[in-house]
Structures are given as structure tokens and as C-alpha cells.
Amino acid sequence: MIEKLQAHYGFSRTPFGRDLAPGMLHRHASHNEAVARITWCITERSIGVVTGEVGAGKTVAIRTVIHGIDPSKHTVIYLPNPMIGVRGIHEAIVTAFGQQPSHLGSRLTAQTGLALAAEREERGRTPVLVMDEAHLLNYEQLEAIRMLTNTAMDQDSPLSCLLVGQPTLRRTMKLAVLAALEQRTALRYTMPGMTSTETASYIKHHLGLAGRSDQLFTDDAVTLIHTTSRGFPRAVNNLCLQSLVATFAAGKSLVDEKAAQSAVTEVLD
């Protein structure tokens, strides 16, 4: 099917894919804002909370920042799965620095703190801990993360920590039991969807990457895709791909509102 679609539309590659290099990404306002804030958070060695609906582009923004930072000055520890418990977080950090995690929990906690401090003080690299799907972290894990930054009597932190997740994360952190973590959080940013103009530009950008510079989607189709997706990139990708399939199945060459409506039905039902 992919090969037939590419041949039908004259694509040089499949559009709206996820395998784009950072330099090929569409730079809409919320993406640029997230990148700027995350970069600042890393520079300040602070705790940052980046939230947004599913498919808002949170991980893409993180990936953009990580791709651009100096590896001689930063050590990135990316944890995509929060279901690893407190010990799992400590083990991942220690292992990232080439050490064998201690079997005893108390020693592992101390070992983690020493490893973070040594990375910065002895090797001159700031650890950057990225916790994806952070809305699934429990209280004990969030408290453990706070303790990792709790050094030098609150004057400094050995690492930067980015908590990335869905909007429920911000509500969780406002609970009284997490007041200390909330107070130490320097960055809070919720990624909105793209505007209608940005969605149109986003679609045009991705089609251009695939080798089509002409208007393949009608204005009505773009409007429907934007309204349905609420401007969230992943939903736009899915609807655009399904619209292309519907247009191909109908033997047409222009994606119109009917094809877009077919995509909406396919994706939402």
C-alpha cells in the first residue's frame, strides 16, 4: 500500500511520518516555545514540567533539544517507561554512568547521588534526566526525583530534570504531599495545539518533504482536519494519511473534504 501511495502521488517518501530528523521538523509556535523553555531549564539545572494532550508534540520538542545540546557538557538519561519504581529510576541513572547498581536500596540511593555529583564535578557534564509519560509516576517516585535535586542546601542541583506527560501530571504535583517538589519546579509549560494557519503550514511542510510543493489538500479538507485534530500534530498526521488513502481508493488525485470526512470517520470510529 505504501509503495502504491507513493507512486500515485509522486511522493519521494511517505509524508506525515515520525522518522524525521530534528532539522526537518515543522517549527510552529508551541514547538518553538517548548524548545526555548526546555533549553533554559537544562541550562539552569532545574526541574521542568512539560505537559500536553496525547500527540501534542512533547517528546518531539524534547528530542529537538537533546539533539542540539553539547554532549561534552551534558549526559542525557532518557527514561520512557515510568513503571519501573523508585529503584528502577536509581538503577537507570547509575547504569548510565557505567556503574553496577548496588543490591541494597539504601546504598543504591547514595550511589545514585554520588554518581550524579561526580558526573558534573569530576567530568564537567551536567546530567539531564528526562522522564517521559511522567503522569504515571507515583508519589514515591516523584519524591525520589525531588531528593536527587536536593543538594547544597537548596542552592544548587547536580542535574536538570524534565518531567514530560499528560495534563494530569500538573494536577498531581499540586497535591499537598508534593508541595516541596512543586516549589522546586522552575518550568511549567503546557503545549497547545497548532492554530488553523499553522496546521495548514504543517501539512504543506510535510508534503514538501515528500516532494509535493503544489496544493494537494483543498482548503475545506485542511479546515476539517484542523478542527477534528484540534491542531495536535499526531492527529493531523493520522488524518492526513487516511485522507490520502481515501483519495487513492476513490481514484482521485486531489484530497477534498469528502476524503477528509472519510478519514475522520475511519480514525474516530
C-alpha atoms as a PDB file:
ATOM      1  CA  MET A   1       0.000   0.000   0.000  1.00  0.00           C
ATOM      2  CA  ILE A   2       2.804   2.442   0.903  1.00  0.00           C
ATOM      3  CA  GLU A   3       4.519   1.902  -2.433  1.00  0.00           C
ATOM      4  CA  LYS A   4       1.236   2.381  -4.302  1.00  0.00           C
ATOM      5  CA  LEU A   5       0.502   5.602  -2.450  1.00  0.00           C
ATOM      6  CA  GLN A   6       3.950   6.965  -3.209  1.00  0.00           C
ATOM      7  CA  ALA A   7       3.569   6.099  -6.885  1.00  0.00           C
ATOM      8  CA  HIS A   8       0.034   7.529  -7.085  1.00  0.00           C
ATOM      9  CA  TYR A   9       1.010  10.896  -5.642  1.00  0.00           C
ATOM     10  CA  GLY A  10       4.584  11.014  -6.869  1.00  0.00           C
ATOM     11  CA  PHE A  11       5.984  11.107  -3.346  1.00  0.00           C
ATOM     12  CA  SER A  12       9.712  10.695  -2.834  1.00  0.00           C
ATOM     13  CA  ARG A  13       8.963   9.422   0.686  1.00  0.00           C
ATOM     14  CA  THR A  14       5.884   8.737   2.759  1.00  0.00           C
ATOM     15  CA  PRO A  15       4.652  12.035   4.243  1.00  0.00           C
ATOM     16  CA  PHE A  16       3.497  12.599   7.818  1.00  0.00           C
ATOM     17  CA  GLY A  17       5.875  10.007   9.232  1.00  0.00           C
ATOM     18  CA  ARG A  18       7.581  10.098  12.614  1.00  0.00           C
ATOM     19  CA  ASP A  19      11.113   9.350  11.395  1.00  0.00           C
ATOM     20  CA  LEU A  20      12.130  12.946  10.752  1.00  0.00           C
ATOM     21  CA  ALA A  21      15.494  14.371  11.687  1.00  0.00           C
ATOM     22  CA  PRO A  22      15.222  17.396  14.010  1.00  0.00           C
ATOM     23  CA  GLY A  23      16.202  19.719  11.177  1.00  0.00           C
ATOM     24  CA  MET A  24      13.207  18.552   9.136  1.00  0.00           C
ATOM     25  CA  LEU A  25      10.590  19.268  11.796  1.00  0.00           C
ATOM     26  CA  HIS A  26       7.889  21.907  11.380  1.00  0.00           C
ATOM     27  CA  ARG A  27       8.645  24.872  13.642  1.00  0.00           C
ATOM     28  CA  HIS A  28       5.264  26.112  14.809  1.00  0.00           C
ATOM     29  CA  ALA A  29       4.858  28.416  17.797  1.00  0.00           C
ATOM     30  CA  SER A  30       4.200  25.867  20.562  1.00  0.00           C
ATOM     31  CA  HIS A  31       7.152  23.734  19.417  1.00  0.00           C
ATOM     32  CA  ASN A  32       9.495  26.729  19.407  1.00  0.00           C
ATOM     33  CA  GLU A  33       8.228  27.868  22.804  1.00  0.00           C
ATOM     34  CA  ALA A  34       8.709  24.409  24.307  1.00  0.00           C
ATOM     35  CA  VAL A  35      12.229  24.105  22.873  1.00  0.00           C
ATOM     36  CA  ALA A  36      13.221  27.512  24.243  1.00  0.00           C
ATOM     37  CA  ARG A  37      11.858  26.788  27.726  1.00  0.00           C
ATOM     38  CA  ILE A  38      13.340  23.297  27.919  1.00  0.00           C
ATOM     39  CA  THR A  39      16.732  24.624  26.830  1.00  0.00           C
ATOM     40  CA  TRP A  40      16.568  27.246  29.576  1.00  0.00           C
ATOM     41  CA  CYS A  41      15.618  24.609  32.148  1.00  0.00           C
ATOM     42  CA  ILE A  42      18.638  22.484  31.229  1.00  0.00           C
ATOM     43  CA  THR A  43      20.950  25.490  31.376  1.00  0.00           C
ATOM     44  CA  GLU A  44      19.661  26.387  34.845  1.00  0.00           C
ATOM     45  CA  ARG A  45      19.838  22.773  36.110  1.00  0.00           C
ATOM     46  CA  SER A  46      16.225  22.984  37.217  1.00  0.00           C
ATOM     47  CA  ILE A  47      13.140  20.800  37.382  1.00  0.00           C
ATOM     48  CA  GLY A  48      10.811  21.337  34.442  1.00  0.00           C
ATOM     49  CA  VAL A  49       7.296  20.058  33.794  1.00  0.00           C
ATOM     50  CA  VAL A  50       6.151  19.875  30.171  1.00  0.00           C
ATOM     51  CA  THR A  51       2.574  18.724  29.670  1.00  0.00           C
ATOM     52  CA  GLY A  52       0.135  18.399  26.820  1.00  0.00           C
ATOM     53  CA  GLU A  53      -2.535  16.190  25.327  1.00  0.00           C
ATOM     54  CA  VAL A  54      -1.572  12.958  23.579  1.00  0.00           C
ATOM     55  CA  GLY A  55       0.185  13.794  20.321  1.00  0.00           C
ATOM     56  CA  ALA A  56       0.812  17.453  21.179  1.00  0.00           C
ATOM     57  CA  GLY A  57       4.498  17.134  20.316  1.00  0.00           C
ATOM     58  CA  LYS A  58       6.071  16.969  23.789  1.00  0.00           C
ATOM     59  CA  THR A  59       8.536  14.199  23.021  1.00  0.00           C
ATOM     60  CA  VAL A  60       9.392  15.785  19.669  1.00  0.00           C
ATOM     61  CA  ALA A  61      10.305  19.027  21.454  1.00  0.00           C
ATOM     62  CA  ILE A  62      12.442  17.133  23.956  1.00  0.00           C
ATOM     63  CA  ARG A  63      14.175  15.256  21.130  1.00  0.00           C
ATOM     64  CA  THR A  64      14.900  18.530  19.347  1.00  0.00           C
ATOM     65  CA  VAL A  65      16.563  19.989  22.428  1.00  0.00           C
ATOM     66  CA  ILE A  66      18.579  16.864  23.177  1.00  0.00           C
ATOM     67  CA  HIS A  67      19.800  16.733  19.592  1.00  0.00           C
ATOM     68  CA  GLY A  68      21.082  20.292  19.896  1.00  0.00           C
ATOM     69  CA  ILE A  69      22.899  20.224  23.248  1.00  0.00           C
ATOM     70  CA  ASP A  70      26.646  19.681  23.551  1.00  0.00           C
ATOM     71  CA  PRO A  71      27.335  16.017  24.503  1.00  0.00           C
ATOM     72  CA  SER A  72      30.670  17.047  26.007  1.00  0.00           C
ATOM     73  CA  LYS A  73      28.778  19.167  28.530  1.00  0.00           C
ATOM     74  CA  HIS A  74      25.649  17.083  29.114  1.00  0.00           C
ATOM     75  CA  THR A  75      24.789  13.459  29.818  1.00  0.00           C
ATOM     76  CA  VAL A  76      21.206  12.628  28.870  1.00  0.00           C
ATOM     77  CA  ILE A  77      19.343   9.874  30.709  1.00  0.00           C
ATOM     78  CA  TYR A  78      16.032   9.200  28.983  1.00  0.00           C
ATOM     79  CA  LEU A  79      13.502   7.013  30.790  1.00  0.00           C
ATOM     80  CA  PRO A  80      10.469   6.263  28.584  1.00  0.00           C
ATOM     81  CA  ASN A  81       8.765   3.870  30.996  1.00  0.00           C
ATOM     82  CA  PRO A  82       7.740   5.174  34.428  1.00  0.00           C
ATOM     83  CA  MET A  83       6.536   1.759  35.584  1.00  0.00           C
ATOM     84  CA  ILE A  84       9.947   0.859  36.994  1.00  0.00           C
ATOM     85  CA  GLY A  85       9.559   2.039  40.575  1.00  0.00           C
ATOM     86  CA  VAL A  86      11.972   4.133  42.605  1.00  0.00           C
ATOM     87  CA  ARG A  87      14.682   1.504  42.379  1.00  0.00           C
ATOM     88  CA  GLY A  88      14.331   1.398  38.609  1.00  0.00           C
ATOM     89  CA  ILE A  89      14.982   5.133  38.377  1.00  0.00           C
ATOM     90  CA  HIS A  90      18.091   4.866  40.528  1.00  0.00           C
ATOM     91  CA  GLU A  91      19.355   1.837  38.633  1.00  0.00           C
ATOM     92  CA  ALA A  92      18.896   3.560  35.273  1.00  0.00           C
ATOM     93  CA  ILE A  93      20.889   6.579  36.440  1.00  0.00           C
ATOM     94  CA  VAL A  94      23.725   4.540  37.900  1.00  0.00           C
ATOM     95  CA  THR A  95      23.871   2.276  34.856  1.00  0.00           C
ATOM     96  CA  ALA A  96      24.010   5.299  32.533  1.00  0.00           C
ATOM     97  CA  PHE A  97      27.294   6.246  34.203  1.00  0.00           C
ATOM     98  CA  GLY A  98      28.740   2.769  33.649  1.00  0.00           C
ATOM     99  CA  GLN A  99      28.386   1.582  37.230  1.00  0.00           C
ATOM    100  CA  GLN A 100      26.912  -1.602  38.665  1.00  0.00           C
ATOM    101  CA  PRO A 101      23.871  -0.761  40.834  1.00  0.00           C
ATOM    102  CA  SER A 102      24.087  -1.781  44.471  1.00  0.00           C
ATOM    103  CA  HIS A 103      21.705  -4.524  45.590  1.00  0.00           C
ATOM    104  CA  LEU A 104      20.844  -2.683  48.799  1.00  0.00           C
ATOM    105  CA  GLY A 105      18.259   0.075  48.429  1.00  0.00           C
ATOM    106  CA  SER A 106      19.884   2.497  50.874  1.00  0.00           C
ATOM    107  CA  ARG A 107      23.278   2.099  49.237  1.00  0.00           C
ATOM    108  CA  LEU A 108      21.758   2.457  45.775  1.00  0.00           C
ATOM    109  CA  THR A 109      20.209   5.792  46.729  1.00  0.00           C
ATOM    110  CA  ALA A 110      23.560   7.076  47.973  1.00  0.00           C
ATOM    111  CA  GLN A 111      25.332   5.617  44.932  1.00  0.00           C
ATOM    112  CA  THR A 112      22.943   7.482  42.628  1.00  0.00           C
ATOM    113  CA  GLY A 113      23.598  10.804  44.331  1.00  0.00           C
ATOM    114  CA  LEU A 114      27.353  10.307  44.197  1.00  0.00           C
ATOM    115  CA  ALA A 115      27.234   9.315  40.525  1.00  0.00           C
ATOM    116  CA  LEU A 116      25.280  12.450  39.616  1.00  0.00           C
ATOM    117  CA  ALA A 117      27.640  14.684  41.581  1.00  0.00           C
ATOM    118  CA  ALA A 118      30.736  13.053  40.091  1.00  0.00           C
ATOM    119  CA  GLU A 119      29.465  13.445  36.540  1.00  0.00           C
ATOM    120  CA  ARG A 120      29.258  17.186  36.994  1.00  0.00           C
ATOM    121  CA  GLU A 121      32.119  17.910  39.395  1.00  0.00           C
ATOM    122  CA  GLU A 122      34.728  15.490  38.033  1.00  0.00           C
ATOM    123  CA  ARG A 123      33.807  15.221  34.355  1.00  0.00           C
ATOM    124  CA  GLY A 124      32.211  18.611  33.840  1.00  0.00           C
ATOM    125  CA  ARG A 125      28.986  17.249  32.360  1.00  0.00           C
ATOM    126  CA  THR A 126      25.522  18.139  33.622  1.00  0.00           C
ATOM    127  CA  PRO A 127      23.196  15.124  33.867  1.00  0.00           C
ATOM    128  CA  VAL A 128      19.838  15.667  32.167  1.00  0.00           C
ATOM    129  CA  LEU A 129      17.165  13.263  33.427  1.00  0.00           C
ATOM    130  CA  VAL A 130      14.131  13.033  31.135  1.00  0.00           C
ATOM    131  CA  MET A 131      11.103  11.183  32.486  1.00  0.00           C
ATOM    132  CA  ASP A 132       8.565  10.541  29.728  1.00  0.00           C
ATOM    133  CA  GLU A 133       4.950   9.566  30.479  1.00  0.00           C
ATOM    134  CA  ALA A 134       5.563  11.219  33.849  1.00  0.00           C
ATOM    135  CA  HIS A 135       1.832  11.449  34.609  1.00  0.00           C
ATOM    136  CA  LEU A 136       2.120   7.758  35.515  1.00  0.00           C
ATOM    137  CA  LEU A 137       4.763   8.353  38.198  1.00  0.00           C
ATOM    138  CA  ASN A 138       3.608   7.659  41.747  1.00  0.00           C
ATOM    139  CA  TYR A 139       4.234   9.767  44.849  1.00  0.00           C
ATOM    140  CA  GLU A 140       7.302   7.787  45.926  1.00  0.00           C
ATOM    141  CA  GLN A 141       8.943   8.220  42.521  1.00  0.00           C
ATOM    142  CA  LEU A 142       8.233  11.947  42.381  1.00  0.00           C
ATOM    143  CA  GLU A 143       9.590  12.376  45.885  1.00  0.00           C
ATOM    144  CA  ALA A 144      12.709  10.389  44.922  1.00  0.00           C
ATOM    145  CA  ILE A 145      13.241  12.715  41.960  1.00  0.00           C
ATOM    146  CA  ARG A 146      12.988  15.735  44.245  1.00  0.00           C
ATOM    147  CA  MET A 147      15.564  14.260  46.585  1.00  0.00           C
ATOM    148  CA  LEU A 148      18.005  13.805  43.693  1.00  0.00           C
ATOM    149  CA  THR A 149      17.967  17.580  43.191  1.00  0.00           C
ATOM    150  CA  ASN A 150      18.020  18.361  46.912  1.00  0.00           C
ATOM    151  CA  THR A 151      21.724  19.093  47.457  1.00  0.00           C
ATOM    152  CA  ALA A 152      23.869  22.014  48.647  1.00  0.00           C
ATOM    153  CA  MET A 153      21.100  23.267  50.961  1.00  0.00           C
ATOM    154  CA  ASP A 154      18.830  24.190  48.039  1.00  0.00           C
ATOM    155  CA  GLN A 155      21.488  26.452  46.488  1.00  0.00           C
ATOM    156  CA  ASP A 156      22.339  24.171  43.606  1.00  0.00           C
ATOM    157  CA  SER A 157      21.310  20.964  41.822  1.00  0.00           C
ATOM    158  CA  PRO A 158      23.586  18.314  40.312  1.00  0.00           C
ATOM    159  CA  LEU A 159      21.195  17.717  37.433  1.00  0.00           C
ATOM    160  CA  SER A 160      18.397  19.015  35.279  1.00  0.00           C
ATOM    161  CA  CYS A 161      15.174  17.017  35.404  1.00  0.00           C
ATOM    162  CA  LEU A 162      12.376  17.150  32.845  1.00  0.00           C
ATOM    163  CA  LEU A 163       9.020  15.578  33.635  1.00  0.00           C
ATOM    164  CA  VAL A 164       7.032  15.092  30.445  1.00  0.00           C
ATOM    165  CA  GLY A 165       3.453  13.889  30.470  1.00  0.00           C
ATOM    166  CA  GLN A 166      -0.252  14.453  30.049  1.00  0.00           C
ATOM    167  CA  PRO A 167      -2.129  17.294  31.833  1.00  0.00           C
ATOM    168  CA  THR A 168      -2.934  15.145  34.869  1.00  0.00           C
ATOM    169  CA  LEU A 169       0.739  15.469  35.850  1.00  0.00           C
ATOM    170  CA  ARG A 170       0.321  19.131  36.754  1.00  0.00           C
ATOM    171  CA  ARG A 171      -2.748  18.367  38.846  1.00  0.00           C
ATOM    172  CA  THR A 172      -0.887  15.588  40.666  1.00  0.00           C
ATOM    173  CA  MET A 173       2.006  17.871  41.536  1.00  0.00           C
ATOM    174  CA  LYS A 174      -0.342  20.402  43.123  1.00  0.00           C
ATOM    175  CA  LEU A 175      -1.282  17.905  45.817  1.00  0.00           C
ATOM    176  CA  ALA A 176      -0.195  18.942  49.304  1.00  0.00           C
ATOM    177  CA  VAL A 177       2.065  15.918  49.721  1.00  0.00           C
ATOM    178  CA  LEU A 178       4.111  17.082  46.732  1.00  0.00           C
ATOM    179  CA  ALA A 179       4.357  20.733  47.767  1.00  0.00           C
ATOM    180  CA  ALA A 180       8.143  20.556  48.093  1.00  0.00           C
ATOM    181  CA  LEU A 181       8.528  19.269  44.531  1.00  0.00           C
ATOM    182  CA  GLU A 182       6.077  21.835  43.191  1.00  0.00           C
ATOM    183  CA  GLN A 183       8.051  24.631  44.854  1.00  0.00           C
ATOM    184  CA  ARG A 184      11.303  23.423  43.298  1.00  0.00           C
ATOM    185  CA  THR A 185       9.801  23.332  39.803  1.00  0.00           C
ATOM    186  CA  ALA A 186      11.169  26.235  37.747  1.00  0.00           C
ATOM    187  CA  LEU A 187       9.470  25.451  34.422  1.00  0.00           C
ATOM    188  CA  ARG A 188       5.836  24.689  33.724  1.00  0.00           C
ATOM    189  CA  TYR A 189       4.656  24.628  30.139  1.00  0.00           C
ATOM    190  CA  THR A 190       1.546  23.110  28.596  1.00  0.00           C
ATOM    191  CA  MET A 191       1.770  22.616  24.834  1.00  0.00           C
ATOM    192  CA  PRO A 192      -1.335  23.846  22.974  1.00  0.00           C
ATOM    193  CA  GLY A 193      -2.437  22.655  19.567  1.00  0.00           C
ATOM    194  CA  MET A 194      -1.487  24.473  16.400  1.00  0.00           C
ATOM    195  CA  THR A 195      -3.611  27.299  15.063  1.00  0.00           C
ATOM    196  CA  SER A 196      -5.535  26.761  11.820  1.00  0.00           C
ATOM    197  CA  THR A 197      -2.850  28.688   9.920  1.00  0.00           C
ATOM    198  CA  GLU A 198      -0.133  26.554  11.499  1.00  0.00           C
ATOM    199  CA  THR A 199      -1.976  23.339  10.668  1.00  0.00           C
ATOM    200  CA  ALA A 200      -2.172  24.375   7.007  1.00  0.00           C
ATOM    201  CA  SER A 201       1.531  25.254   7.068  1.00  0.00           C
ATOM    202  CA  TYR A 202       2.305  21.948   8.812  1.00  0.00           C
ATOM    203  CA  ILE A 203       0.523  19.930   6.117  1.00  0.00           C
ATOM    204  CA  LYS A 204       2.239  21.888   3.350  1.00  0.00           C
ATOM    205  CA  HIS A 205       5.615  21.383   5.047  1.00  0.00           C
ATOM    206  CA  HIS A 206       5.241  17.607   5.276  1.00  0.00           C
ATOM    207  CA  LEU A 207       4.028  17.318   1.702  1.00  0.00           C
ATOM    208  CA  GLY A 208       7.025  19.370   0.627  1.00  0.00           C
ATOM    209  CA  LEU A 209       9.359  16.940   2.389  1.00  0.00           C
ATOM    210  CA  ALA A 210       7.722  14.182   0.336  1.00  0.00           C
ATOM    211  CA  GLY A 211       8.307  16.054  -2.912  1.00  0.00           C
ATOM    212  CA  ARG A 212       4.948  17.784  -3.490  1.00  0.00           C
ATOM    213  CA  SER A 213       5.053  21.585  -3.480  1.00  0.00           C
ATOM    214  CA  ASP A 214       1.584  22.066  -5.011  1.00  0.00           C
ATOM    215  CA  GLN A 215      -1.736  22.196  -3.134  1.00  0.00           C
ATOM    216  CA  LEU A 216      -2.637  18.549  -2.716  1.00  0.00           C
ATOM    217  CA  PHE A 217      -5.256  19.174   0.028  1.00  0.00           C
ATOM    218  CA  THR A 218      -8.180  21.531  -0.602  1.00  0.00           C
ATOM    219  CA  ASP A 219      -8.841  24.323   1.884  1.00  0.00           C
ATOM    220  CA  ASP A 220     -12.037  22.601   3.049  1.00  0.00           C
ATOM    221  CA  ALA A 221     -10.123  19.388   3.718  1.00  0.00           C
ATOM    222  CA  VAL A 222      -7.457  21.222   5.711  1.00  0.00           C
ATOM    223  CA  THR A 223     -10.124  23.031   7.751  1.00  0.00           C
ATOM    224  CA  LEU A 224     -11.861  19.776   8.648  1.00  0.00           C
ATOM    225  CA  ILE A 225      -8.570  18.115   9.569  1.00  0.00           C
ATOM    226  CA  HIS A 226      -7.623  21.039  11.788  1.00  0.00           C
ATOM    227  CA  THR A 227     -10.997  21.161  13.536  1.00  0.00           C
ATOM    228  CA  THR A 228     -11.040  17.426  14.189  1.00  0.00           C
ATOM    229  CA  SER A 229      -7.410  17.196  15.322  1.00  0.00           C
ATOM    230  CA  ARG A 230      -7.579  20.412  17.388  1.00  0.00           C
ATOM    231  CA  GLY A 231      -4.208  21.188  15.864  1.00  0.00           C
ATOM    232  CA  PHE A 232      -2.315  18.374  17.597  1.00  0.00           C
ATOM    233  CA  PRO A 233       0.419  17.129  15.235  1.00  0.00           C
ATOM    234  CA  ARG A 234      -0.039  13.387  15.701  1.00  0.00           C
ATOM    235  CA  ALA A 235      -3.765  13.586  14.995  1.00  0.00           C
ATOM    236  CA  VAL A 236      -3.071  15.755  11.949  1.00  0.00           C
ATOM    237  CA  ASN A 237      -0.623  13.118  10.702  1.00  0.00           C
ATOM    238  CA  ASN A 238      -3.143  10.306  11.129  1.00  0.00           C
ATOM    239  CA  LEU A 239      -5.983  12.197   9.454  1.00  0.00           C
ATOM    240  CA  CYS A 240      -3.811  13.309   6.544  1.00  0.00           C
ATOM    241  CA  LEU A 241      -2.581   9.789   5.874  1.00  0.00           C
ATOM    242  CA  GLN A 242      -6.100   8.388   5.986  1.00  0.00           C
ATOM    243  CA  SER A 243      -7.273  11.187   3.694  1.00  0.00           C
ATOM    244  CA  LEU A 244      -4.570  10.259   1.198  1.00  0.00           C
ATOM    245  CA  VAL A 245      -5.662   6.613   1.351  1.00  0.00           C
ATOM    246  CA  ALA A 246      -9.326   7.577   0.813  1.00  0.00           C
ATOM    247  CA  THR A 247      -8.408   9.748  -2.162  1.00  0.00           C
ATOM    248  CA  PHE A 248      -6.284   6.989  -3.664  1.00  0.00           C
ATOM    249  CA  ALA A 249      -9.091   4.437  -3.166  1.00  0.00           C
ATOM    250  CA  ALA A 250     -11.502   6.774  -4.973  1.00  0.00           C
ATOM    251  CA  GLY A 251      -9.115   7.086  -7.890  1.00  0.00           C
ATOM    252  CA  LYS A 252      -8.703  10.828  -7.388  1.00  0.00           C
ATOM    253  CA  SER A 253      -5.598  12.997  -7.211  1.00  0.00           C
ATOM    254  CA  LEU A 254      -6.806  15.874  -5.002  1.00  0.00           C
ATOM    255  CA  VAL A 255      -7.672  15.399  -1.322  1.00  0.00           C
ATOM    256  CA  ASP A 256     -11.043  17.078  -0.850  1.00  0.00           C
ATOM    257  CA  GLU A 257     -13.436  17.486   2.084  1.00  0.00           C
ATOM    258  CA  LYS A 258     -15.161  14.183   1.274  1.00  0.00           C
ATOM    259  CA  ALA A 259     -11.872  12.312   1.586  1.00  0.00           C
ATOM    260  CA  ALA A 260     -11.088  14.132   4.813  1.00  0.00           C
ATOM    261  CA  GLN A 261     -14.516  13.248   6.211  1.00  0.00           C
ATOM    262  CA  SER A 262     -13.880   9.624   5.333  1.00  0.00           C
ATOM    263  CA  ALA A 263     -10.601   9.859   7.260  1.00  0.00           C
ATOM    264  CA  VAL A 264     -12.354  11.387  10.265  1.00  0.00           C
ATOM    265  CA  THR A 265     -14.854   8.522  10.294  1.00  0.00           C
ATOM    266  CA  GLU A 266     -12.073   5.962   9.943  1.00  0.00           C
ATOM    267  CA  VAL A 267      -9.929   7.398  12.709  1.00  0.00           C
ATOM    268  CA  LEU A 268     -12.645   8.257  15.237  1.00  0.00           C
ATOM    269  CA  ASP A 269     -14.921   5.241  14.885  1.00  0.00           C
END
